[in-house]
Each structure stands twice: as structure tokens, then as C-alpha cells.
Amino acid sequence: MKIGVPKEIKNGECRVALIPDNVQILKSNGHTVLIEKNAGTLAGFFDQDYRKAGAILASADKIWKESDLILKVKEPQNIELKKLSANKILFCYLHLAANLSLTRALIQSKTTAIALETVQDLRGRLALLEPMSAIAGRMAMIVGAFFQATPQGGGGILVSGLPGVLSAKIAIIGGGTVGENAAKIAAGLGAQVTILDQKQERLKLLDEILPENVSTLNSTPQNIEEAVTTSDIIIGAVLIPGSKAPKLITKKMLKKVKPGSVLVDVSIDQGGIAETSRPTTHSKPVYKVNGLLHYCVPNMPGAYGRSATLAMTNAVFNYVLKLANLGLKKSFEKDPGFCHGLNVFQGKITCKEVAQSLGLAYSPFS
């Protein structure tokens, strides 16, 4: 199989979909790998490393035209949509439930699109999303603390507090991988942390594994409003696999927030949990509504190119190798959880949650 890796062009995206070690293994299995020049530079992997591993350096146009399997980190950007075609398999993070235009482009082009974020392992875990969720959760507290500083537009609350001065109050809405990792960092900084979730078993586990300065709370509209309106930093960490994020923070709530508080909406790649959330970029990451500073960057882990690339390829590469060696149908037959990643096939949406979120027809893969 001919496998192509174009350079990521999304704003602030520093990850790359394959590292040189991966290339070497693919080559040893008889595959051809095309890498765009400088595709891995921002992650600390250089053209000479890829050449040594056996990759062919090529232009983006050549990669999109000649490759059977296109490996990316983030979804195709507008200038890449015209390069989609029916004879390609696209394997990357797609998050289609919040992106109607991209979904339509994939349908019209009849590109086979596999979304990393909906692939499941044998236990039903979103194994290819979890490493990025862990990074985003940890990063959420870092950026939240940074933008809480007065020169950045925040309320000037030092997260850790000081002798005689209270530490910051942190509300984390969602107790999954993002929420757990955000809570660990927040607790380590000495903040007063509340993590909200609907699943009682999950809250019980979090209560057992997290430090004493983390409280767990049932996620109800009243509890969410209390947490949002009294906290210095709010982290949106809700995930419904394949679906849009629910709007749990309303415009009405924003009228009561503490001036200078910060919302880090990690759920923005699925549409965000606040009615006022809209995607931002690493170059322009924040905006303010009713005194609440919104940080809504969809590709947060892309800022830590080296760490995020290593974490991603550690999780993803076995699936890449399986796909290259066996092809699409045999890969899915041997690993039904892999099939959950298929979002668009032959011009039809094959992920029920995406179809429901966008109000489009759903066609099961067979």
C-alpha cells in the first residue's frame, strides 16, 4: 500500500501522523511511505530522519494524488477538501458531529473516512482519543492558570493561593479522561477543585483516586450553575462519543459569573459545552463574553508537538499497520472495534451519532 503523510496546516498544529520508527516498520512490511517535506519538523522529527527510515519526501499535491491511505492528525482544512477522492482512505481525528461542511465534502467525494476519536478497543474504550484527552486535560489547567492572570484578561487569582490568601476555585464539568487529568493538575497546584459528572460509579472512582482537595458532585443543572458562577476557572470536559457536546453552560448563567473567570472548553471540537463557545486558534485563543474569558482551541494538544506526537503514534500505529497489511474490510473483520471508527463510506455516513447530530441519513457499514 502507498501511504501518505501531508504536513499539518491547521493553525498551531505541531503534530505529525507518523514518526521515523513507524516508517521503518511500514517499509519492512513492503509498503511505500510518502512524507511531505518538513512534516515532522515542529515535533522534532526531521526530513533526514524520515529519509533514513526509508520514506520518500514529496509535495502535498503528490501525496494527496498518489497515496492509497492518507494519514493526518487533524481533519482536512478548506484548501485540502478539493483533494479528497473516492479511491482514498483518510485516517485522522475528524470530529464530524460539529462540522457539517466537512461531512458533506467527505460524502460528495466518497472518501473513506476513519475517525481516530471513535475507534474502540476490546473493552469499548476510545483508545486512540484517550492520549490526546489526557494531554488536553493537563493542558487545560496550565492555560486556565495562565489566562487567569490580570494582564491576560483574567481576574488575577493565583491558582495555588498563598499563606493567608485562598487558592482558586476550579469547576470541571465531565469526569472522563480530560476531567480526571485536569483535576490531577489542579489539585497538584493546590486549588479547590470540584468535578461534576452524571455517572455515580465514575464519581465514586474519582473520589477514591484523586487528592482530598478534589470534591465530586452530581452533574445537575443546579449544581452546574452553582459551580460555573462561583469558580475562577471552568473546564468543559464532556464527551458523548461521536455526538455533539451538550450545551450545559447557558447565556443566562454567564450573567452571574465572576468577572475575570476563565472557561477552557476542551469539548469545543465536538461543539463546546457553552452556548457562547466558538472555535478559536492557538494564535488567537481567547475572547470574552459577559466577563467570562473563553479559551476554545479545538486542537489543544497540537501545541505540544513532540509529546503529543509520541503519545498519538504509540496508540495509533498498530491500527495503521493493520490497515496497511490487511486492507479495510479484513481489518474490520478481525477487529470490530476498529469498525466503530468508520464515519463515512462510499458517500454515506456510517456513524450513527454523527448522522443524528447533523440530521443526516445513517447507513450501517456492511
Protein backbone atom coordinates (compact mmCIF):
# COMPACT_ATOMS: atom_id res chain seq x y z
CA MET A 1 0.00 0.00 0.00
CA LYS A 2 1.15 3.56 -0.67
CA ILE A 3 0.80 5.63 2.50
CA GLY A 4 0.99 9.42 2.53
CA VAL A 5 1.57 11.88 5.37
CA PRO A 6 0.96 15.54 4.46
CA LYS A 7 2.17 18.32 6.71
CA GLU A 8 -0.50 19.61 9.09
CA ILE A 9 -1.74 23.08 8.14
CA LYS A 10 -4.30 23.79 10.88
CA ASN A 11 -3.37 26.86 12.93
CA GLY A 12 -0.87 25.98 15.65
CA GLU A 13 -0.82 22.27 14.79
CA CYS A 14 2.67 20.88 15.52
CA ARG A 15 1.97 17.14 15.47
CA VAL A 16 2.76 14.67 12.69
CA ALA A 17 0.91 11.42 11.95
CA LEU A 18 3.97 9.10 11.64
CA ILE A 19 7.41 9.11 13.23
CA PRO A 20 10.53 7.65 11.53
CA ASP A 21 10.34 4.43 13.56
CA ASN A 22 6.83 3.85 12.16
CA VAL A 23 8.09 4.44 8.63
CA GLN A 24 10.81 1.82 9.06
CA ILE A 25 8.26 -0.80 10.16
CA LEU A 26 5.92 0.00 7.28
CA LYS A 27 8.79 -0.27 4.83
CA SER A 28 9.80 -3.66 6.26
CA ASN A 29 6.23 -4.80 5.61
CA GLY A 30 6.52 -3.87 1.94
CA HIS A 31 4.70 -0.53 1.95
CA THR A 32 5.70 2.77 0.36
CA VAL A 33 5.60 5.85 2.56
CA LEU A 34 5.43 9.41 1.24
CA ILE A 35 6.14 12.23 3.69
CA GLU A 36 5.74 15.91 2.93
CA LYS A 37 8.89 17.95 3.43
CA ASN A 38 9.14 19.40 6.95
CA ALA A 39 6.03 17.49 8.06
CA GLY A 40 7.67 16.45 11.34
CA THR A 41 9.97 19.40 11.99
CA LEU A 42 7.80 21.07 14.66
CA ALA A 43 7.60 17.76 16.53
CA GLY A 44 11.37 17.29 16.42
CA PHE A 45 11.45 14.75 13.56
CA PHE A 46 13.43 15.94 10.56
CA ASP A 47 13.49 15.13 6.88
CA GLN A 48 16.82 13.30 7.15
CA ASP A 49 15.30 11.04 9.84
CA TYR A 50 12.47 10.07 7.51
CA ARG A 51 14.81 9.53 4.57
CA LYS A 52 17.00 7.28 6.68
CA ALA A 53 13.92 5.28 7.70
CA GLY A 54 13.01 4.77 4.04
CA ALA A 55 10.38 7.43 3.37
CA ILE A 56 10.13 9.34 0.11
CA LEU A 57 9.91 13.11 0.58
CA ALA A 58 7.19 14.54 -1.62
CA SER A 59 4.94 17.55 -2.13
CA ALA A 60 1.47 17.73 -0.62
CA ASP A 61 -0.11 17.52 -4.08
CA LYS A 62 1.81 14.33 -4.92
CA ILE A 63 0.87 12.77 -1.57
CA TRP A 64 -2.84 13.50 -1.95
CA LYS A 65 -2.83 12.35 -5.57
CA GLU A 66 -0.84 9.12 -5.30
CA SER A 67 -1.48 7.71 -1.82
CA ASP A 68 -3.99 4.97 -1.06
CA LEU A 69 -4.03 5.78 2.65
CA ILE A 70 -3.75 9.37 3.88
CA LEU A 71 -2.62 9.73 7.49
CA LYS A 72 -3.24 13.05 9.18
CA VAL A 73 -3.61 14.32 12.72
CA LYS A 74 -6.42 16.83 12.26
CA GLU A 75 -9.28 17.00 9.79
CA PRO A 76 -8.68 18.28 6.24
CA GLN A 77 -8.71 22.05 6.05
CA ASN A 78 -10.65 24.00 3.41
CA ILE A 79 -7.83 24.06 0.87
CA GLU A 80 -7.44 20.29 1.22
CA LEU A 81 -11.09 19.42 0.58
CA LYS A 82 -10.69 19.55 -3.20
CA LYS A 83 -8.01 16.84 -2.90
CA LEU A 84 -10.42 14.29 -1.44
CA SER A 85 -11.41 11.44 -3.75
CA ALA A 86 -13.23 8.11 -3.78
CA ASN A 87 -10.11 5.97 -4.02
CA LYS A 88 -8.61 7.27 -0.75
CA ILE A 89 -8.78 6.15 2.86
CA LEU A 90 -8.43 9.08 5.25
CA PHE A 91 -7.39 8.23 8.83
CA CYS A 92 -7.27 11.11 11.33
CA TYR A 93 -9.18 12.96 14.08
CA LEU A 94 -12.34 14.20 12.33
CA HIS A 95 -14.96 15.26 14.94
CA LEU A 96 -17.66 15.41 12.27
CA ALA A 97 -20.61 15.94 14.62
CA ALA A 98 -19.74 19.65 14.83
CA ASN A 99 -18.61 20.05 11.20
CA LEU A 100 -21.37 19.80 8.60
CA SER A 101 -19.32 21.28 5.74
CA LEU A 102 -16.51 18.73 6.13
CA THR A 103 -19.03 15.89 6.42
CA ARG A 104 -20.70 16.97 3.19
CA ALA A 105 -17.31 17.19 1.45
CA LEU A 106 -16.46 13.65 2.53
CA ILE A 107 -19.86 12.40 1.36
CA GLN A 108 -19.61 14.15 -2.01
CA SER A 109 -16.05 12.95 -2.64
CA LYS A 110 -16.92 9.40 -1.49
CA THR A 111 -13.70 9.34 0.51
CA THR A 112 -13.48 6.52 3.06
CA ALA A 113 -13.06 8.40 6.33
CA ILE A 114 -11.97 6.72 9.57
CA ALA A 115 -12.08 8.90 12.68
CA LEU A 116 -9.48 8.17 15.33
CA GLU A 117 -11.75 9.51 18.04
CA THR A 118 -14.47 6.87 17.56
CA VAL A 119 -12.28 3.75 17.25
CA GLN A 120 -12.90 1.38 20.18
CA ASP A 121 -10.64 -1.23 21.73
CA LEU A 122 -11.78 -4.64 23.01
CA ARG A 123 -13.07 -3.06 26.24
CA GLY A 124 -15.04 -0.38 24.41
CA ARG A 125 -12.58 2.39 25.34
CA LEU A 126 -11.79 5.20 22.92
CA ALA A 127 -8.18 4.09 22.91
CA LEU A 128 -6.96 6.45 20.17
CA LEU A 129 -8.58 9.51 21.70
CA GLU A 130 -7.51 8.92 25.30
CA PRO A 131 -3.84 10.03 24.94
CA MET A 132 -4.92 13.35 23.41
CA SER A 133 -7.63 13.76 26.05
CA ALA A 134 -5.02 13.26 28.76
CA ILE A 135 -2.84 15.98 27.23
CA ALA A 136 -5.79 18.33 26.75
CA GLY A 137 -6.91 17.82 30.35
CA ARG A 138 -3.48 18.58 31.78
CA MET A 139 -3.04 21.49 29.41
CA ALA A 140 -6.46 22.89 30.35
CA MET A 141 -5.24 23.77 33.83
CA ILE A 142 -2.00 25.22 32.51
CA VAL A 143 -3.75 27.59 30.09
CA GLY A 144 -6.52 28.28 32.60
CA ALA A 145 -3.98 29.40 35.18
CA PHE A 146 -2.15 31.49 32.58
CA PHE A 147 -5.26 33.33 31.38
CA GLN A 148 -6.44 33.89 34.96
CA ALA A 149 -3.54 36.38 35.20
CA THR A 150 -4.66 40.02 35.09
CA PRO A 151 -2.53 41.02 32.03
CA GLN A 152 -4.20 38.18 30.08
CA GLY A 153 -7.70 39.43 30.88
CA GLY A 154 -8.33 37.22 33.90
CA GLY A 155 -9.37 38.02 37.43
CA GLY A 156 -5.85 37.85 38.84
CA ILE A 157 -6.36 34.80 41.06
CA LEU A 158 -3.20 32.77 41.67
CA VAL A 159 -4.31 29.16 41.39
CA SER A 160 -2.13 27.90 44.25
CA GLY A 161 -3.08 30.67 46.66
CA LEU A 162 -0.69 31.93 49.34
CA PRO A 163 -0.50 31.90 53.13
CA GLY A 164 -3.49 33.97 54.18
CA VAL A 165 -4.87 34.07 50.61
CA LEU A 166 -7.34 31.49 49.28
CA SER A 167 -6.45 29.34 46.29
CA ALA A 168 -8.53 29.39 43.11
CA LYS A 169 -11.83 27.55 42.77
CA ILE A 170 -11.89 25.17 39.81
CA ALA A 171 -15.01 23.57 38.33
CA ILE A 172 -14.51 20.64 35.96
CA ILE A 173 -17.63 19.56 34.09
CA GLY A 174 -17.12 15.98 32.98
CA GLY A 175 -15.28 13.22 34.80
CA GLY A 176 -13.75 11.31 31.89
CA THR A 177 -10.12 11.29 30.81
CA VAL A 178 -9.99 15.05 30.27
CA GLY A 179 -11.65 15.82 33.58
CA GLU A 180 -9.54 13.38 35.58
CA ASN A 181 -6.29 14.74 34.17
CA ALA A 182 -7.36 18.35 34.67
CA ALA A 183 -8.26 17.55 38.27
CA LYS A 184 -4.86 15.98 38.93
CA ILE A 185 -3.03 19.10 37.79
CA ALA A 186 -5.43 21.46 39.56
CA ALA A 187 -5.13 19.50 42.79
CA GLY A 188 -1.36 19.44 42.49
CA LEU A 189 -1.36 23.22 42.24
CA GLY A 190 -3.33 23.42 45.48
CA ALA A 191 -6.64 24.62 44.04
CA GLN A 192 -10.11 23.96 45.44
CA VAL A 193 -11.47 21.56 42.83
CA THR A 194 -14.98 20.31 42.09
CA ILE A 195 -15.50 17.71 39.36
CA LEU A 196 -19.04 17.09 38.11
CA ASP A 197 -20.36 14.03 36.30
CA GLN A 198 -23.64 12.13 35.92
CA LYS A 199 -22.20 8.64 36.36
CA GLN A 200 -22.19 7.67 40.01
CA GLU A 201 -19.71 4.84 39.55
CA ARG A 202 -17.30 7.24 37.89
CA LEU A 203 -17.69 9.78 40.69
CA LYS A 204 -17.02 7.04 43.23
CA LEU A 205 -13.81 6.06 41.44
CA LEU A 206 -12.65 9.67 41.12
CA ASP A 207 -13.34 10.22 44.80
CA GLU A 208 -11.10 7.27 45.61
CA ILE A 209 -8.17 8.12 43.33
CA LEU A 210 -7.99 11.92 43.45
CA PRO A 211 -6.48 14.01 46.28
CA GLU A 212 -8.52 15.36 49.19
CA ASN A 213 -8.78 18.86 47.72
CA VAL A 214 -10.94 17.43 44.89
CA SER A 215 -14.66 17.13 45.60
CA THR A 216 -17.04 15.17 43.39
CA LEU A 217 -20.55 16.36 42.62
CA ASN A 218 -23.52 15.01 40.72
CA SER A 219 -23.97 16.89 37.45
CA THR A 220 -27.39 18.56 37.59
CA PRO A 221 -28.41 21.92 36.07
CA GLN A 222 -28.49 23.49 39.56
CA ASN A 223 -25.08 22.14 40.55
CA ILE A 224 -23.56 23.17 37.23
CA GLU A 225 -24.90 26.72 37.61
CA GLU A 226 -23.56 26.97 41.17
CA ALA A 227 -20.14 25.69 40.08
CA VAL A 228 -19.93 27.91 36.99
CA THR A 229 -20.97 31.10 38.76
CA THR A 230 -18.65 30.70 41.76
CA SER A 231 -15.46 29.35 40.15
CA ASP A 232 -12.38 31.15 38.88
CA ILE A 233 -11.61 28.56 36.19
CA ILE A 234 -14.19 26.32 34.50
CA ILE A 235 -13.10 23.37 32.36
CA GLY A 236 -15.51 21.84 29.86
CA ALA A 237 -14.67 18.14 29.66
CA VAL A 238 -17.85 16.45 28.46
CA LEU A 239 -17.68 13.80 25.75
CA ILE A 240 -20.50 11.84 24.14
CA PRO A 241 -18.64 9.65 21.62
CA GLY A 242 -19.33 10.75 18.07
CA SER A 243 -22.00 13.27 19.11
CA LYS A 244 -22.17 17.00 19.69
CA ALA A 245 -21.41 18.15 23.22
CA PRO A 246 -24.48 19.23 25.22
CA LYS A 247 -24.84 22.94 25.96
CA LEU A 248 -24.59 22.85 29.74
CA ILE A 249 -23.46 26.45 30.29
CA THR A 250 -26.21 28.84 29.21
CA LYS A 251 -26.10 32.51 28.34
CA LYS A 252 -28.26 33.12 31.41
CA MET A 253 -25.56 31.62 33.63
CA LEU A 254 -22.96 33.94 32.14
CA LYS A 255 -24.75 36.93 33.61
CA LYS A 256 -23.80 35.60 37.06
CA VAL A 257 -20.17 34.53 36.51
CA LYS A 258 -17.34 36.10 38.46
CA PRO A 259 -15.70 38.86 36.38
CA GLY A 260 -12.37 37.63 35.04
CA SER A 261 -13.19 33.94 35.36
CA VAL A 262 -11.89 31.65 32.62
CA LEU A 263 -13.62 28.90 30.64
CA VAL A 264 -11.37 26.33 28.98
CA ASP A 265 -13.81 24.45 26.75
CA VAL A 266 -11.96 21.26 25.82
CA SER A 267 -15.23 19.96 24.35
CA ILE A 268 -15.07 22.57 21.58
CA ASP A 269 -14.01 20.00 18.96
CA GLN A 270 -17.48 18.49 19.46
CA GLY A 271 -19.17 21.91 19.51
CA GLY A 272 -18.43 23.04 23.07
CA ILE A 273 -20.44 22.91 26.30
CA ALA A 274 -21.29 26.62 26.48
CA GLU A 275 -23.87 28.41 24.35
CA THR A 276 -21.26 31.12 23.84
CA SER A 277 -18.40 28.81 22.82
CA ARG A 278 -16.96 29.03 19.31
CA PRO A 279 -13.68 27.65 17.97
CA THR A 280 -10.57 29.77 18.39
CA THR A 281 -6.96 29.19 17.35
CA HIS A 282 -3.57 28.93 19.02
CA SER A 283 -2.68 32.34 17.55
CA LYS A 284 -5.92 33.95 18.84
CA PRO A 285 -7.04 31.62 21.62
CA VAL A 286 -9.42 33.72 23.74
CA TYR A 287 -12.37 36.09 23.67
CA LYS A 288 -14.60 37.47 26.41
CA VAL A 289 -18.38 37.31 26.85
CA ASN A 290 -20.08 38.85 29.91
CA GLY A 291 -16.80 38.94 31.81
CA LEU A 292 -16.01 35.26 31.13
CA LEU A 293 -12.81 34.67 29.18
CA HIS A 294 -13.35 31.79 26.72
CA TYR A 295 -10.45 29.58 25.60
CA CYS A 296 -11.83 27.32 22.84
CA VAL A 297 -8.94 25.89 20.81
CA PRO A 298 -10.04 22.62 19.11
CA ASN A 299 -6.52 21.22 18.68
CA MET A 300 -5.09 21.93 22.12
CA PRO A 301 -2.58 19.01 22.13
CA GLY A 302 -1.08 20.35 18.90
CA ALA A 303 0.76 22.96 20.95
CA TYR A 304 2.95 20.26 22.49
CA GLY A 305 4.06 18.73 19.22
CA ARG A 306 6.73 16.35 20.44
CA SER A 307 4.90 14.86 23.42
CA ALA A 308 1.57 14.70 21.62
CA THR A 309 3.05 13.06 18.51
CA LEU A 310 4.73 10.36 20.56
CA ALA A 311 1.59 9.72 22.61
CA MET A 312 -0.58 9.63 19.50
CA THR A 313 1.64 7.34 17.41
CA ASN A 314 2.12 4.98 20.35
CA ALA A 315 -1.64 4.43 20.34
CA VAL A 316 -2.44 4.70 16.63
CA PHE A 317 0.36 2.96 14.77
CA ASN A 318 -0.80 -0.64 15.32
CA TYR A 319 -4.08 0.30 13.63
CA VAL A 320 -2.18 1.92 10.75
CA LEU A 321 -0.10 -1.22 10.27
CA LYS A 322 -3.19 -3.43 10.44
CA LEU A 323 -4.96 -1.28 7.84
CA ALA A 324 -1.93 -1.28 5.53
CA ASN A 325 -1.33 -5.03 5.80
CA LEU A 326 -4.92 -6.28 5.68
CA GLY A 327 -6.93 -3.58 3.94
CA LEU A 328 -10.17 -2.06 5.16
CA LYS A 329 -12.64 -4.95 5.27
CA LYS A 330 -10.29 -7.58 6.69
CA SER A 331 -9.09 -5.13 9.35
CA PHE A 332 -12.67 -4.56 10.46
CA GLU A 333 -13.48 -8.27 10.39
CA LYS A 334 -10.56 -9.05 12.69
CA ASP A 335 -11.21 -6.06 14.95
CA PRO A 336 -14.89 -4.98 15.21
CA GLY A 337 -13.93 -2.09 17.47
CA PHE A 338 -11.85 -0.66 14.65
CA CYS A 339 -15.01 -0.54 12.53
CA HIS A 340 -16.50 1.96 15.01
CA GLY A 341 -14.01 4.43 13.60
CA LEU A 342 -15.56 4.36 10.13
CA ASN A 343 -17.58 7.57 9.79
CA VAL A 344 -18.09 7.90 6.03
CA PHE A 345 -18.00 5.15 3.40
CA GLN A 346 -18.95 5.33 -0.29
CA GLY A 347 -20.77 8.63 0.17
CA LYS A 348 -22.78 7.53 3.21
CA ILE A 349 -22.50 8.28 6.94
CA THR A 350 -21.72 5.06 8.79
CA CYS A 351 -21.55 6.52 12.31
CA LYS A 352 -25.00 6.77 13.87
CA GLU A 353 -24.04 9.53 16.34
CA VAL A 354 -22.63 11.75 13.58
CA ALA A 355 -25.74 11.25 11.44
CA GLN A 356 -28.05 12.07 14.36
CA SER A 357 -26.04 15.13 15.37
CA LEU A 358 -26.17 16.59 11.84
CA GLY A 359 -29.67 15.44 10.93
CA LEU A 360 -28.44 13.33 8.03
CA ALA A 361 -29.16 9.78 6.92
CA TYR A 362 -27.34 6.89 8.59
CA SER A 363 -26.21 3.81 6.65
CA PRO A 364 -24.58 0.96 8.62
CA PHE A 365 -21.38 -0.43 7.15
CA SER A 366 -21.59 -3.97 5.85
